[in-house]
Amino acid sequence: MNHSELQQLTEQISQQFFGEKFRHKAVFNDRLKTTGGRYLLGTHDIELNRRYLEEYGKDELIGIIKHELCHYHLHIEGKGYQHRDREFKELLQQVGAPRFCTPLRDLQNKRRVQKRHDYVCTGCGQHFIRKRRFDTSRYMCGVCKGKLKWHRTIDSV
């Protein structure tokens, strides 16, 4: 599916389910990684993740387009367009749009390994675990004011 076909599909869905025209652009944005699509408040354009079409098919893409069109039409009308707004939730139900899209398969199975740094106080033995490594000569123990020393790196999931 190319950009013109996506634009045409979005306009058709807008007319069919919302009874109003979609007057802005709908494009694929290949930089989207964790979301199916997004509605841009400033330009009123809709960006969609092409990988949802490739992995789950046209039906999933249509659901995402409906979701983004809910944001679009409510924002244009000056109503509550955010996920937490009652008007948004009601419109989602009326048009049969999903509230959340299905997670991508590779993101489901991929666990991000985060490194943690374990520091120990030479005075009292207190351990401090931090995400970022730091210069131990600039800091001291918050318990006993003793010197800190780097102990080890911990890989956590």
Protein backbone atom coordinates (compact mmCIF):
# COMPACT_ATOMS: atom_id res chain seq x y z
CA MET A 1 0.00 0.00 0.00
CA ASN A 2 1.43 3.37 -0.97
CA HIS A 3 0.70 6.84 0.40
CA SER A 4 -2.05 7.69 -2.07
CA GLU A 5 -3.89 4.42 -1.35
CA LEU A 6 -3.56 5.10 2.40
CA GLN A 7 -4.92 8.62 1.92
CA GLN A 8 -7.85 7.28 -0.07
CA LEU A 9 -8.58 4.57 2.53
CA THR A 10 -8.49 7.12 5.36
CA GLU A 11 -10.86 9.47 3.53
CA GLN A 12 -13.22 6.57 2.82
CA ILE A 13 -13.23 5.40 6.47
CA SER A 14 -13.81 8.96 7.66
CA GLN A 15 -16.80 9.40 5.36
CA GLN A 16 -18.25 5.94 6.12
CA PHE A 17 -17.91 5.86 9.92
CA PHE A 18 -17.87 9.54 10.90
CA GLY A 19 -19.97 11.08 8.11
CA GLU A 20 -17.39 13.83 7.63
CA LYS A 21 -14.50 14.47 5.27
CA PHE A 22 -10.88 14.01 6.21
CA ARG A 23 -9.19 17.12 4.80
CA HIS A 24 -5.59 16.52 5.84
CA LYS A 25 -2.80 14.04 5.11
CA ALA A 26 -2.48 10.42 6.17
CA VAL A 27 1.02 9.01 5.70
CA PHE A 28 3.16 6.08 6.77
CA ASN A 29 5.92 7.02 9.22
CA ASP A 30 8.51 4.24 9.34
CA ARG A 31 10.16 5.80 12.41
CA LEU A 32 7.22 4.85 14.64
CA LYS A 33 8.35 1.87 16.72
CA THR A 34 5.99 1.27 19.63
CA THR A 35 2.71 2.78 18.45
CA GLY A 36 0.31 2.02 15.62
CA GLY A 37 -0.25 5.64 14.70
CA ARG A 38 -0.48 9.17 15.91
CA TYR A 39 -2.58 12.26 15.28
CA LEU A 40 -0.58 15.48 15.02
CA LEU A 41 -2.37 18.36 16.73
CA GLY A 42 -0.50 21.13 14.91
CA THR A 43 -1.00 19.97 11.33
CA HIS A 44 -4.04 17.69 11.84
CA ASP A 45 -2.20 14.97 9.89
CA ILE A 46 -2.21 11.30 10.79
CA GLU A 47 0.93 9.16 10.78
CA LEU A 48 0.65 5.37 10.73
CA ASN A 49 3.09 2.55 11.37
CA ARG A 50 3.50 0.46 8.20
CA ARG A 51 4.62 -2.60 10.20
CA TYR A 52 1.09 -3.12 11.53
CA LEU A 53 -0.13 -3.56 7.96
CA GLU A 54 2.70 -6.00 7.21
CA GLU A 55 2.37 -8.07 10.41
CA TYR A 56 -1.38 -8.01 11.15
CA GLY A 57 -3.04 -7.04 7.86
CA LYS A 58 -5.48 -4.46 6.64
CA ASP A 59 -8.10 -5.00 9.38
CA GLU A 60 -5.66 -3.97 12.13
CA LEU A 61 -4.62 -0.92 10.08
CA ILE A 62 -8.28 0.08 9.63
CA GLY A 63 -8.77 -0.13 13.40
CA ILE A 64 -5.77 2.14 13.95
CA ILE A 65 -7.05 4.60 11.33
CA LYS A 66 -10.46 4.71 13.09
CA HIS A 67 -8.73 5.38 16.41
CA GLU A 68 -6.70 8.25 14.99
CA LEU A 69 -9.75 9.64 13.21
CA CYS A 70 -11.53 9.76 16.58
CA HIS A 71 -8.74 12.04 17.82
CA TYR A 72 -8.95 14.05 14.59
CA HIS A 73 -12.71 14.68 14.46
CA LEU A 74 -13.07 15.41 18.18
CA HIS A 75 -10.14 17.85 18.09
CA ILE A 76 -11.55 19.63 15.04
CA GLU A 77 -14.93 19.94 16.77
CA GLY A 78 -13.34 21.27 19.97
CA LYS A 79 -14.41 18.31 22.09
CA GLY A 80 -12.42 16.03 24.39
CA TYR A 81 -10.01 14.20 22.09
CA GLN A 82 -7.60 12.70 24.64
CA HIS A 83 -7.61 9.05 25.72
CA ARG A 84 -8.98 9.90 29.17
CA ASP A 85 -11.95 11.95 27.89
CA ARG A 86 -15.43 10.44 28.01
CA GLU A 87 -16.34 11.81 24.55
CA PHE A 88 -13.31 10.04 23.08
CA LYS A 89 -14.18 6.71 24.70
CA GLU A 90 -17.79 6.98 23.54
CA LEU A 91 -16.81 7.74 19.95
CA LEU A 92 -14.38 4.80 19.95
CA GLN A 93 -17.25 2.49 20.88
CA GLN A 94 -19.63 4.00 18.32
CA VAL A 95 -17.27 3.41 15.39
CA GLY A 96 -15.79 0.14 16.69
CA ALA A 97 -12.24 1.42 17.03
CA PRO A 98 -9.77 -0.23 19.42
CA ARG A 99 -8.56 1.74 22.41
CA PHE A 100 -5.08 0.19 22.10
CA CYS A 101 -3.43 -1.54 19.18
CA THR A 102 -2.00 -5.05 19.31
CA PRO A 103 1.68 -5.05 20.35
CA LEU A 104 4.13 -5.87 17.59
CA ARG A 105 5.48 -9.42 17.76
CA ASP A 106 9.17 -8.58 18.08
CA LEU A 107 8.45 -6.06 20.84
CA GLN A 108 6.46 -8.67 22.79
CA ASN A 109 9.34 -11.14 22.91
CA LYS A 110 12.15 -8.67 23.25
CA ARG A 111 13.12 -7.95 26.82
CA ARG A 112 15.31 -4.98 27.23
CA VAL A 113 18.37 -5.70 29.36
CA GLN A 114 19.28 -2.76 31.56
CA LYS A 115 22.60 -2.44 33.25
CA ARG A 116 22.67 -1.35 36.88
CA HIS A 117 25.74 -0.29 38.78
CA ASP A 118 26.25 -1.48 42.33
CA TYR A 119 28.27 0.77 44.66
CA VAL A 120 29.24 -0.19 48.19
CA CYS A 121 30.28 2.01 51.12
CA THR A 122 33.69 1.10 52.54
CA GLY A 123 32.59 2.31 55.99
CA CYS A 124 29.20 0.72 56.68
CA GLY A 125 28.80 -1.71 53.76
CA GLN A 126 25.58 -0.08 52.46
CA HIS A 127 24.88 -0.90 48.78
CA PHE A 128 23.63 1.70 46.30
CA ILE A 129 22.29 0.58 42.92
CA ARG A 130 22.16 3.20 40.18
CA LYS A 131 21.29 3.25 36.48
CA ARG A 132 24.21 5.49 35.62
CA ARG A 133 27.81 5.12 36.57
CA PHE A 134 29.31 8.06 38.49
CA ASP A 135 32.64 9.32 39.80
CA THR A 136 33.03 7.88 43.32
CA SER A 137 35.54 10.57 44.36
CA ARG A 138 32.81 13.23 44.10
CA TYR A 139 30.20 11.49 46.29
CA MET A 140 30.01 9.90 49.74
CA CYS A 141 27.73 7.50 51.58
CA GLY A 142 24.44 9.08 52.67
CA VAL A 143 24.31 6.87 55.76
CA CYS A 144 27.75 7.22 57.37
CA LYS A 145 29.60 9.72 55.10
CA GLY A 146 32.11 6.99 54.18
CA LYS A 147 33.83 6.50 50.81
CA LEU A 148 32.03 4.71 47.99
CA LYS A 149 33.57 2.20 45.66
CA TRP A 150 32.20 0.63 42.51
CA HIS A 151 31.39 -3.01 43.21
CA ARG A 152 29.89 -4.60 40.06
CA THR A 153 27.54 -4.25 37.08
CA ILE A 154 24.19 -6.02 37.30
CA ASP A 155 22.24 -7.02 34.18
CA SER A 156 18.53 -6.83 34.93
CA VAL A 157 15.52 -7.55 32.73
